[in-house]
N, C-alpha and C. Protein backbone atom coordinates (compact mmCIF):
# COMPACT_ATOMS: atom_id res chain seq x y z
N UNK A 1 22.74 -35.68 -35.45
CA UNK A 1 23.18 -34.42 -34.86
C UNK A 1 23.85 -33.44 -34.43
N UNK A 2 25.22 -34.33 -34.83
CA UNK A 2 26.54 -33.47 -34.62
C UNK A 2 26.76 -32.66 -36.29
N UNK A 3 25.83 -32.79 -36.89
CA UNK A 3 25.46 -31.98 -37.84
C UNK A 3 24.77 -31.15 -37.37
N UNK A 4 23.64 -30.94 -37.06
CA UNK A 4 22.92 -29.76 -36.54
C UNK A 4 23.68 -29.26 -35.35
N UNK A 5 24.62 -29.87 -34.74
CA UNK A 5 25.54 -29.18 -33.61
C UNK A 5 26.54 -28.10 -34.17
N UNK A 6 27.09 -28.79 -35.02
CA UNK A 6 28.05 -27.56 -36.11
C UNK A 6 27.65 -26.26 -36.88
N UNK A 7 26.20 -26.75 -37.25
CA UNK A 7 25.31 -25.62 -37.65
C UNK A 7 25.72 -24.75 -36.86
N UNK A 8 24.74 -25.01 -35.62
CA UNK A 8 24.47 -24.28 -34.64
C UNK A 8 26.06 -23.38 -34.25
N UNK A 9 26.98 -24.05 -34.16
CA UNK A 9 28.30 -23.18 -33.30
C UNK A 9 28.72 -22.55 -34.85
N UNK A 10 28.72 -22.64 -36.18
CA UNK A 10 28.89 -22.13 -36.96
C UNK A 10 28.18 -20.72 -36.82
N UNK A 11 26.76 -21.22 -36.83
CA UNK A 11 25.72 -19.99 -36.98
C UNK A 11 26.15 -19.31 -35.74
N UNK A 12 26.43 -19.85 -34.72
CA UNK A 12 26.61 -18.66 -33.47
C UNK A 12 28.21 -18.33 -33.54
N UNK A 13 29.23 -18.99 -34.48
CA UNK A 13 30.26 -18.01 -34.76
C UNK A 13 29.97 -16.66 -35.30
N UNK A 14 29.19 -17.48 -36.68
CA UNK A 14 28.72 -16.40 -37.74
C UNK A 14 28.22 -14.88 -36.98
N UNK A 15 27.15 -15.39 -36.09
CA UNK A 15 26.49 -14.31 -35.11
C UNK A 15 27.36 -13.23 -34.31
N UNK A 16 28.60 -14.05 -33.79
CA UNK A 16 29.37 -13.43 -33.35
C UNK A 16 30.33 -12.75 -34.11
N UNK A 17 30.26 -12.88 -34.93
CA UNK A 17 31.56 -12.30 -36.07
C UNK A 17 30.29 -11.57 -36.80
N UNK A 18 29.34 -11.24 -36.53
CA UNK A 18 28.55 -9.95 -37.36
C UNK A 18 28.67 -9.19 -36.41
N UNK A 19 28.22 -9.43 -35.00
CA UNK A 19 28.11 -8.37 -33.89
C UNK A 19 29.49 -8.29 -33.41
N UNK A 20 30.29 -8.42 -33.62
CA UNK A 20 32.11 -7.86 -33.54
C UNK A 20 31.80 -6.95 -34.70
N UNK A 21 31.42 -6.96 -36.02
CA UNK A 21 31.91 -6.43 -37.04
C UNK A 21 30.46 -4.96 -36.78
N UNK A 22 29.55 -5.53 -36.26
CA UNK A 22 28.93 -4.31 -35.86
C UNK A 22 29.44 -3.19 -34.92
N UNK A 23 29.85 -4.10 -33.93
CA UNK A 23 30.99 -3.23 -32.82
C UNK A 23 31.82 -2.61 -33.51
N UNK A 24 32.60 -2.57 -34.29
CA UNK A 24 33.73 -2.33 -35.29
C UNK A 24 33.18 -1.27 -35.66
N UNK A 25 31.98 -1.33 -36.63
CA UNK A 25 31.85 -0.74 -37.59
C UNK A 25 30.69 0.82 -36.50
N UNK A 26 30.46 0.48 -35.51
CA UNK A 26 30.06 1.30 -34.55
C UNK A 26 31.33 2.10 -33.55
N UNK A 27 31.95 1.43 -33.43
CA UNK A 27 33.44 2.04 -32.75
C UNK A 27 33.96 3.03 -33.63
N UNK A 28 34.15 2.82 -35.08
CA UNK A 28 34.31 3.28 -35.70
C UNK A 28 33.79 4.32 -36.20
N UNK A 29 32.36 3.99 -36.35
CA UNK A 29 31.35 5.77 -36.69
C UNK A 29 31.54 6.20 -35.02
N UNK A 30 32.07 5.84 -33.91
CA UNK A 30 31.49 6.80 -32.69
C UNK A 30 33.06 7.29 -32.38
N UNK A 31 34.25 6.78 -33.01
CA UNK A 31 35.49 7.09 -32.91
C UNK A 31 35.55 8.34 -33.92
N UNK A 32 35.08 8.48 -35.29
CA UNK A 32 34.82 9.45 -36.17
C UNK A 32 33.88 10.75 -35.56
N UNK A 33 32.72 10.19 -35.02
CA UNK A 33 32.27 11.00 -34.72
C UNK A 33 32.93 12.18 -33.51
N UNK A 34 33.53 11.46 -32.62
CA UNK A 34 34.57 11.88 -31.69
C UNK A 34 34.94 13.16 -32.27
N UNK A 35 35.70 12.28 -33.07
CA UNK A 35 36.81 13.07 -33.86
C UNK A 35 36.26 14.27 -34.58
N UNK A 36 35.35 13.65 -34.99
CA UNK A 36 34.14 15.42 -36.07
C UNK A 36 34.01 16.59 -35.05
N UNK A 37 33.81 15.86 -33.34
CA UNK A 37 33.45 16.83 -32.81
C UNK A 37 34.43 17.60 -32.38
N UNK A 38 35.37 16.96 -31.59
CA UNK A 38 36.23 17.59 -31.39
C UNK A 38 37.07 18.21 -32.59
N UNK A 39 37.43 18.18 -33.44
CA UNK A 39 37.70 18.90 -34.48
C UNK A 39 36.90 20.09 -34.86
N UNK A 40 35.42 20.12 -34.78
CA UNK A 40 34.58 21.14 -34.48
C UNK A 40 34.56 22.16 -33.40
N UNK A 41 34.91 20.95 -32.18
CA UNK A 41 35.18 22.40 -31.37
C UNK A 41 36.48 23.31 -31.49
N UNK A 42 37.68 22.92 -31.68
CA UNK A 42 38.75 23.05 -31.64
C UNK A 42 38.77 24.63 -33.01
N UNK A 43 37.74 24.32 -34.01
CA UNK A 43 37.61 25.29 -35.44
C UNK A 43 36.47 26.50 -34.52
N UNK A 44 35.68 26.18 -33.78
CA UNK A 44 34.98 26.92 -33.08
C UNK A 44 35.64 27.63 -32.53
N UNK A 45 36.75 27.16 -31.36
CA UNK A 45 37.76 28.07 -30.48
C UNK A 45 38.50 28.92 -31.57
N UNK A 46 39.24 28.56 -32.08
CA UNK A 46 39.84 28.82 -33.12
C UNK A 46 38.76 30.34 -34.09
N UNK A 47 37.82 29.88 -34.39
CA UNK A 47 36.63 30.88 -34.78
C UNK A 47 36.87 32.07 -33.46
N UNK A 48 36.62 32.01 -32.55
CA UNK A 48 35.71 32.72 -31.23
C UNK A 48 37.20 33.61 -31.16
N UNK A 49 38.62 32.79 -31.27
CA UNK A 49 39.73 33.33 -30.62
C UNK A 49 40.05 34.52 -31.80
N UNK A 50 39.88 34.17 -33.16
CA UNK A 50 39.81 35.70 -34.49
C UNK A 50 38.47 36.18 -34.51
N UNK A 51 37.40 36.07 -34.02
CA UNK A 51 36.37 36.70 -33.89
C UNK A 51 37.19 38.08 -32.43
N UNK A 52 37.69 37.48 -31.30
CA UNK A 52 37.64 38.78 -30.62
C UNK A 52 39.23 39.19 -31.01
N UNK A 53 39.95 38.54 -31.37
CA UNK A 53 41.20 39.35 -32.30
C UNK A 53 40.46 40.71 -32.78
N UNK A 54 40.04 40.19 -34.40
CA UNK A 54 39.37 41.48 -35.02
C UNK A 54 38.46 42.22 -34.40
N UNK A 55 37.44 42.18 -33.20
CA UNK A 55 36.72 43.05 -32.51
C UNK A 55 38.31 44.01 -32.00
N UNK A 56 38.90 43.33 -31.05
CA UNK A 56 39.86 44.15 -30.70
C UNK A 56 40.69 45.10 -31.46
N UNK A 57 40.84 44.64 -32.53
CA UNK A 57 41.78 45.18 -33.53
C UNK A 57 40.29 46.59 -33.97
N UNK A 58 39.30 46.49 -34.40
CA UNK A 58 38.50 47.30 -34.98
C UNK A 58 38.33 48.00 -33.71
N UNK A 59 38.39 47.63 -31.96
CA UNK A 59 38.22 48.90 -31.07
C UNK A 59 39.49 49.51 -31.02
N UNK A 60 40.71 48.72 -31.22
CA UNK A 60 41.70 49.45 -30.95
C UNK A 60 41.62 50.84 -32.31
N UNK A 61 41.71 50.22 -33.60
CA UNK A 61 41.43 51.48 -34.55
C UNK A 61 40.55 52.16 -34.47
N UNK A 62 39.54 52.10 -34.05
CA UNK A 62 38.28 52.97 -33.67
C UNK A 62 39.06 53.97 -32.72
N UNK A 63 39.33 53.58 -31.79
CA UNK A 63 39.85 54.47 -30.83
C UNK A 63 41.20 55.28 -31.11
N UNK A 64 41.91 54.67 -31.78
CA UNK A 64 42.89 55.38 -32.78
C UNK A 64 42.51 56.60 -33.66
N UNK A 65 41.28 56.31 -34.36
CA UNK A 65 40.61 57.29 -35.46
C UNK A 65 39.84 58.33 -34.78
N UNK A 66 39.10 57.89 -33.25
CA UNK A 66 38.55 58.83 -32.33
C UNK A 66 39.54 59.99 -31.78
N UNK A 67 40.90 59.57 -31.51
CA UNK A 67 42.11 60.28 -30.57
C UNK A 67 42.39 60.91 -31.76
N UNK A 68 42.65 60.51 -33.05
CA UNK A 68 42.94 61.48 -34.35
C UNK A 68 41.90 62.25 -34.68
N UNK A 69 41.36 61.83 -34.90
CA UNK A 69 39.96 63.02 -34.82
C UNK A 69 39.77 64.14 -34.19
N UNK A 70 39.85 64.20 -32.94
CA UNK A 70 40.12 64.11 -31.53
C UNK A 70 41.09 65.51 -31.75
N UNK A 71 42.39 65.11 -32.03
CA UNK A 71 43.73 65.92 -31.92
C UNK A 71 43.31 66.88 -33.19
N UNK A 72 42.95 66.53 -34.62
CA UNK A 72 42.52 67.17 -35.12
C UNK A 72 42.09 68.80 -35.36
N UNK A 73 40.68 68.42 -34.37
CA UNK A 73 39.46 69.01 -34.10
C UNK A 73 40.45 69.69 -33.35
N UNK A 74 41.03 69.39 -32.12
CA UNK A 74 41.46 70.61 -31.56
C UNK A 74 42.82 71.18 -32.04
N UNK A 75 43.33 70.87 -33.08
CA UNK A 75 44.33 71.71 -33.46
C UNK A 75 44.00 72.42 -34.37
N UNK A 76 42.54 72.46 -35.16
CA UNK A 76 41.67 73.56 -35.83
C UNK A 76 41.41 74.68 -35.19
N UNK A 77 40.53 73.89 -33.55
CA UNK A 77 40.54 74.85 -32.48
C UNK A 77 41.31 75.86 -32.19
N UNK A 78 42.88 75.54 -31.80
CA UNK A 78 43.80 76.07 -31.35
C UNK A 78 44.64 77.24 -32.46
N UNK A 79 44.34 76.81 -33.94
CA UNK A 79 44.61 77.68 -34.93
C UNK A 79 43.79 78.62 -35.14
N UNK A 80 42.23 78.32 -35.17
CA UNK A 80 41.25 79.40 -35.10
C UNK A 80 41.27 80.10 -34.26
N UNK A 81 41.63 80.01 -32.94
CA UNK A 81 41.80 80.99 -31.69
C UNK A 81 43.20 81.84 -31.67
N UNK A 82 44.22 81.28 -32.31
CA UNK A 82 45.44 81.50 -32.94
C UNK A 82 45.15 82.97 -33.62
N UNK A 83 44.14 82.76 -34.83
CA UNK A 83 43.80 83.57 -35.69
C UNK A 83 43.15 84.80 -35.15
N UNK A 84 42.06 84.07 -34.39
CA UNK A 84 41.35 85.58 -33.76
C UNK A 84 41.91 86.46 -32.27
N UNK A 85 43.22 85.87 -31.90
CA UNK A 85 44.09 86.51 -31.35
C UNK A 85 44.84 87.22 -31.57
N UNK A 86 45.21 87.04 -33.05
CA UNK A 86 46.44 87.62 -34.07
C UNK A 86 45.55 88.62 -34.75
N UNK A 87 44.32 88.51 -34.71
CA UNK A 87 43.35 89.70 -35.24
C UNK A 87 42.83 90.73 -34.18
N UNK A 88 43.01 90.38 -33.13
CA UNK A 88 42.24 91.13 -31.95
C UNK A 88 43.27 92.22 -31.71
N UNK A 89 44.77 91.33 -31.45
CA UNK A 89 45.72 92.11 -31.80
C UNK A 89 46.69 93.14 -32.22
N UNK A 90 46.30 92.87 -33.66
CA UNK A 90 46.68 93.84 -34.54
C UNK A 90 45.12 95.48 -34.63
N UNK A 91 43.99 94.60 -34.45
CA UNK A 91 42.89 95.75 -34.15
C UNK A 91 42.88 96.71 -33.23
N UNK A 92 44.24 95.87 -31.83
CA UNK A 92 44.25 97.29 -30.74
C UNK A 92 45.29 97.55 -31.26
N UNK A 93 46.26 97.12 -31.71
CA UNK A 93 47.61 98.25 -31.99
C UNK A 93 47.19 99.03 -32.67
N UNK A 94 46.42 99.05 -34.05
CA UNK A 94 45.89 100.04 -34.85
C UNK A 94 44.97 100.76 -34.19
N UNK A 95 43.99 100.65 -33.54
CA UNK A 95 43.23 101.34 -32.26
C UNK A 95 44.02 102.40 -31.32
N UNK A 96 44.79 101.87 -30.78
CA UNK A 96 46.12 102.47 -30.08
C UNK A 96 46.73 103.63 -30.73
N UNK A 97 47.54 103.24 -32.11
CA UNK A 97 47.80 103.94 -33.76
C UNK A 97 46.87 105.03 -33.91
N UNK A 98 45.46 104.60 -33.76
CA UNK A 98 44.77 105.55 -34.18
C UNK A 98 44.28 106.71 -32.93
N UNK A 99 44.29 106.07 -31.82
CA UNK A 99 43.96 107.14 -30.73
C UNK A 99 45.01 108.45 -30.36
N UNK A 100 46.49 107.30 -30.25
CA UNK A 100 47.87 108.20 -30.79
C UNK A 100 47.60 109.22 -31.14
N UNK A 101 47.73 108.84 -32.85
CA UNK A 101 47.56 110.34 -33.74
C UNK A 101 46.43 111.58 -34.10
N UNK A 102 45.37 110.47 -32.54
CA UNK A 102 44.68 111.74 -32.92
C UNK A 102 44.48 112.46 -31.78
N UNK A 103 45.44 112.27 -30.54
CA UNK A 103 46.09 113.00 -29.50
C UNK A 103 46.88 113.63 -29.91
N UNK A 104 47.72 113.26 -31.11
CA UNK A 104 49.03 113.99 -31.03
C UNK A 104 48.29 115.62 -32.40
N UNK A 105 47.49 115.13 -33.02
CA UNK A 105 46.65 115.91 -34.02
C UNK A 105 45.51 116.96 -32.84
N UNK A 106 45.60 116.68 -31.77
CA UNK A 106 44.39 117.31 -31.08
C UNK A 106 45.46 118.32 -29.97
N UNK A 107 46.54 117.89 -29.97
CA UNK A 107 48.04 118.60 -29.44
C UNK A 107 48.48 119.79 -30.20
N UNK A 108 48.82 119.17 -31.08
CA UNK A 108 49.21 120.09 -32.35
C UNK A 108 47.67 121.24 -32.91
N UNK A 109 46.73 121.28 -32.36
CA UNK A 109 45.91 122.41 -33.05
C UNK A 109 45.52 123.36 -31.79
N UNK A 110 45.59 122.12 -30.32
CA UNK A 110 45.56 122.92 -29.14
C UNK A 110 47.04 123.90 -29.17
N UNK A 111 48.13 123.17 -29.58
CA UNK A 111 49.39 124.30 -29.56
C UNK A 111 49.44 125.38 -30.04
N UNK A 112 48.44 125.56 -31.99
CA UNK A 112 48.27 126.55 -32.56
C UNK A 112 47.05 127.32 -31.78
N UNK A 113 45.83 126.92 -31.21
CA UNK A 113 44.91 128.10 -30.49
C UNK A 113 45.68 128.72 -29.53
N UNK A 114 46.68 127.72 -28.70
CA UNK A 114 47.17 128.80 -27.47
C UNK A 114 48.32 129.71 -28.70
N UNK A 115 48.98 129.50 -29.36
CA UNK A 115 49.90 130.19 -29.97
C UNK A 115 48.74 131.63 -30.68
N UNK A 116 47.94 130.86 -30.91
CA UNK A 116 46.70 132.37 -31.89
C UNK A 116 46.63 133.50 -30.64
N UNK A 117 45.97 132.41 -29.65
CA UNK A 117 45.60 133.55 -28.33
C UNK A 117 46.72 133.98 -27.76
N UNK A 118 47.64 133.69 -27.44
CA UNK A 118 48.63 134.44 -26.86
C UNK A 118 49.49 135.61 -27.50
N UNK A 119 49.31 134.92 -28.85
CA UNK A 119 49.92 136.42 -29.97
C UNK A 119 51.16 135.76 -30.29
N UNK A 120 51.60 134.69 -30.28
CA UNK A 120 52.56 134.59 -30.81
C UNK A 120 52.48 134.19 -32.37
N UNK A 121 51.55 133.78 -32.70
CA UNK A 121 50.70 133.67 -34.09
C UNK A 121 49.88 134.48 -34.66
N UNK A 122 49.97 135.11 -36.21
CA UNK A 122 48.79 135.96 -36.40
C UNK A 122 48.54 135.07 -37.68
N UNK A 123 47.78 134.78 -37.88
CA UNK A 123 47.66 133.79 -39.39
C UNK A 123 46.73 134.49 -39.95
N UNK A 124 45.84 135.48 -39.88
CA UNK A 124 44.90 136.02 -40.29
C UNK A 124 45.54 137.47 -41.15
N UNK A 125 46.54 138.14 -40.21
CA UNK A 125 47.05 138.92 -41.17
C UNK A 125 47.54 138.63 -42.33
N UNK A 126 47.40 139.62 -43.36
CA UNK A 126 47.41 139.20 -45.06
C UNK A 126 49.13 139.17 -45.47
N UNK A 127 50.08 139.72 -44.33
CA UNK A 127 51.35 139.43 -44.53
C UNK A 127 51.87 138.40 -44.11
N UNK A 128 51.13 137.80 -43.39
CA UNK A 128 51.99 136.16 -42.70
C UNK A 128 50.77 135.42 -43.31
N UNK A 129 51.43 134.27 -43.96
CA UNK A 129 50.36 132.98 -44.42
C UNK A 129 51.22 131.77 -43.86
N UNK A 130 49.97 131.13 -43.35
CA UNK A 130 50.63 129.82 -42.64
C UNK A 130 51.19 128.52 -43.28
N UNK A 131 51.91 128.15 -43.21
CA UNK A 131 52.90 127.31 -43.63
C UNK A 131 52.95 126.37 -42.64
N UNK A 132 53.37 124.96 -43.55
CA UNK A 132 53.52 123.90 -42.51
C UNK A 132 54.80 124.09 -42.05
N UNK A 133 55.93 124.94 -42.71
CA UNK A 133 57.17 124.77 -42.52
C UNK A 133 56.85 126.08 -40.69
N UNK A 134 56.54 126.86 -41.48
CA UNK A 134 56.21 128.09 -40.22
C UNK A 134 55.38 127.81 -38.68
N UNK A 135 54.20 126.72 -39.09
CA UNK A 135 53.44 126.35 -38.02
C UNK A 135 54.71 125.39 -37.28
N UNK A 136 55.30 124.23 -37.70
CA UNK A 136 56.25 123.65 -37.01
C UNK A 136 57.61 124.41 -36.20
N UNK A 137 57.43 125.51 -36.67
CA UNK A 137 58.96 126.63 -36.15
C UNK A 137 58.05 127.04 -35.17
N UNK A 138 56.80 127.18 -35.37
CA UNK A 138 56.20 128.28 -34.00
C UNK A 138 56.02 126.77 -32.81
N UNK A 139 55.97 125.56 -33.24
CA UNK A 139 55.60 124.55 -32.18
C UNK A 139 56.48 123.74 -31.53
N UNK A 140 57.56 123.73 -32.43
CA UNK A 140 58.20 123.49 -31.48
C UNK A 140 59.90 124.09 -31.40
N UNK A 141 59.66 125.89 -31.84
CA UNK A 141 60.23 126.63 -31.16
C UNK A 141 61.73 126.91 -31.84
N UNK A 142 62.04 126.09 -33.21
CA UNK A 142 63.26 126.30 -33.73
C UNK A 142 63.37 126.93 -34.63
N UNK A 143 63.76 127.61 -35.66
CA UNK A 143 63.67 127.66 -36.89
C UNK A 143 63.87 126.73 -37.88
N UNK A 144 63.08 126.31 -38.87
CA UNK A 144 63.04 125.25 -39.57
C UNK A 144 64.00 125.87 -40.78
N UNK A 145 65.07 125.12 -41.29
CA UNK A 145 65.91 125.50 -42.50
C UNK A 145 64.88 125.02 -43.53
N UNK A 146 64.38 125.81 -44.59
CA UNK A 146 64.74 125.54 -46.06
C UNK A 146 65.54 124.75 -46.77
N UNK A 147 65.79 123.18 -46.96
CA UNK A 147 66.64 122.50 -47.99
C UNK A 147 65.92 121.75 -48.61
N UNK A 148 64.76 122.72 -49.37
CA UNK A 148 64.47 122.23 -50.46
C UNK A 148 65.16 122.48 -51.96
N UNK A 149 66.02 123.45 -51.94
CA UNK A 149 66.74 123.60 -53.17
C UNK A 149 68.59 123.51 -52.25
N UNK A 150 69.02 122.90 -51.01
CA UNK A 150 70.21 122.77 -50.96
C UNK A 150 70.84 122.01 -51.88
N UNK A 151 70.27 121.38 -52.62
CA UNK A 151 71.25 120.57 -53.43
C UNK A 151 72.00 121.37 -54.77
N UNK A 152 71.27 123.06 -54.57
CA UNK A 152 71.61 123.80 -55.89
C UNK A 152 72.20 124.62 -55.49
N UNK A 153 71.63 125.03 -54.34
CA UNK A 153 72.73 126.47 -53.80
C UNK A 153 72.85 126.06 -52.28
N UNK A 154 73.63 126.91 -51.54
CA UNK A 154 73.97 126.79 -50.18
C UNK A 154 73.07 128.08 -49.95
N UNK A 155 72.88 128.12 -48.29
CA UNK A 155 72.09 128.68 -47.96
C UNK A 155 73.01 130.15 -47.47
N UNK A 156 74.42 130.30 -48.31
CA UNK A 156 75.02 131.81 -47.87
C UNK A 156 74.53 132.24 -49.53
N UNK A 157 74.92 131.38 -50.78
CA UNK A 157 74.06 132.24 -51.75
C UNK A 157 72.94 132.91 -52.02
N UNK A 158 71.95 132.51 -51.29
CA UNK A 158 71.10 132.95 -51.56
C UNK A 158 71.04 134.46 -50.70
């Protein structure tokens, strides 16, 4: 009977040791699983932070690109408007010059007509030929000297 008791005690000790080994293995597995889960959560959080940073960088880059494109388009519009303004100003200046020249021509013709009507200018007489020099003399009232040959002769030698 002592032998049976010793065998029962030994078997009980072995069962306790097996149970302790199982508990130890289960505990290690649980610890490993907990560590793996915690590491996975840390990796997940790091990945989420990286994703948020990437999205923010993308948004900032897109905003910068949109702002730069808008500024470039505004500059193009300003340059086009400046060119249009210059063209309009040049057109207005040319039109003013044309109108001034036309008014001067009309005034010159009116002066010639008045001189003909008054009798100071007789362009149709065969001994009087109307030259530009004579016309200018009549219009402006001063005698215009002929200086076309002044480099070779003087007025007195003629």
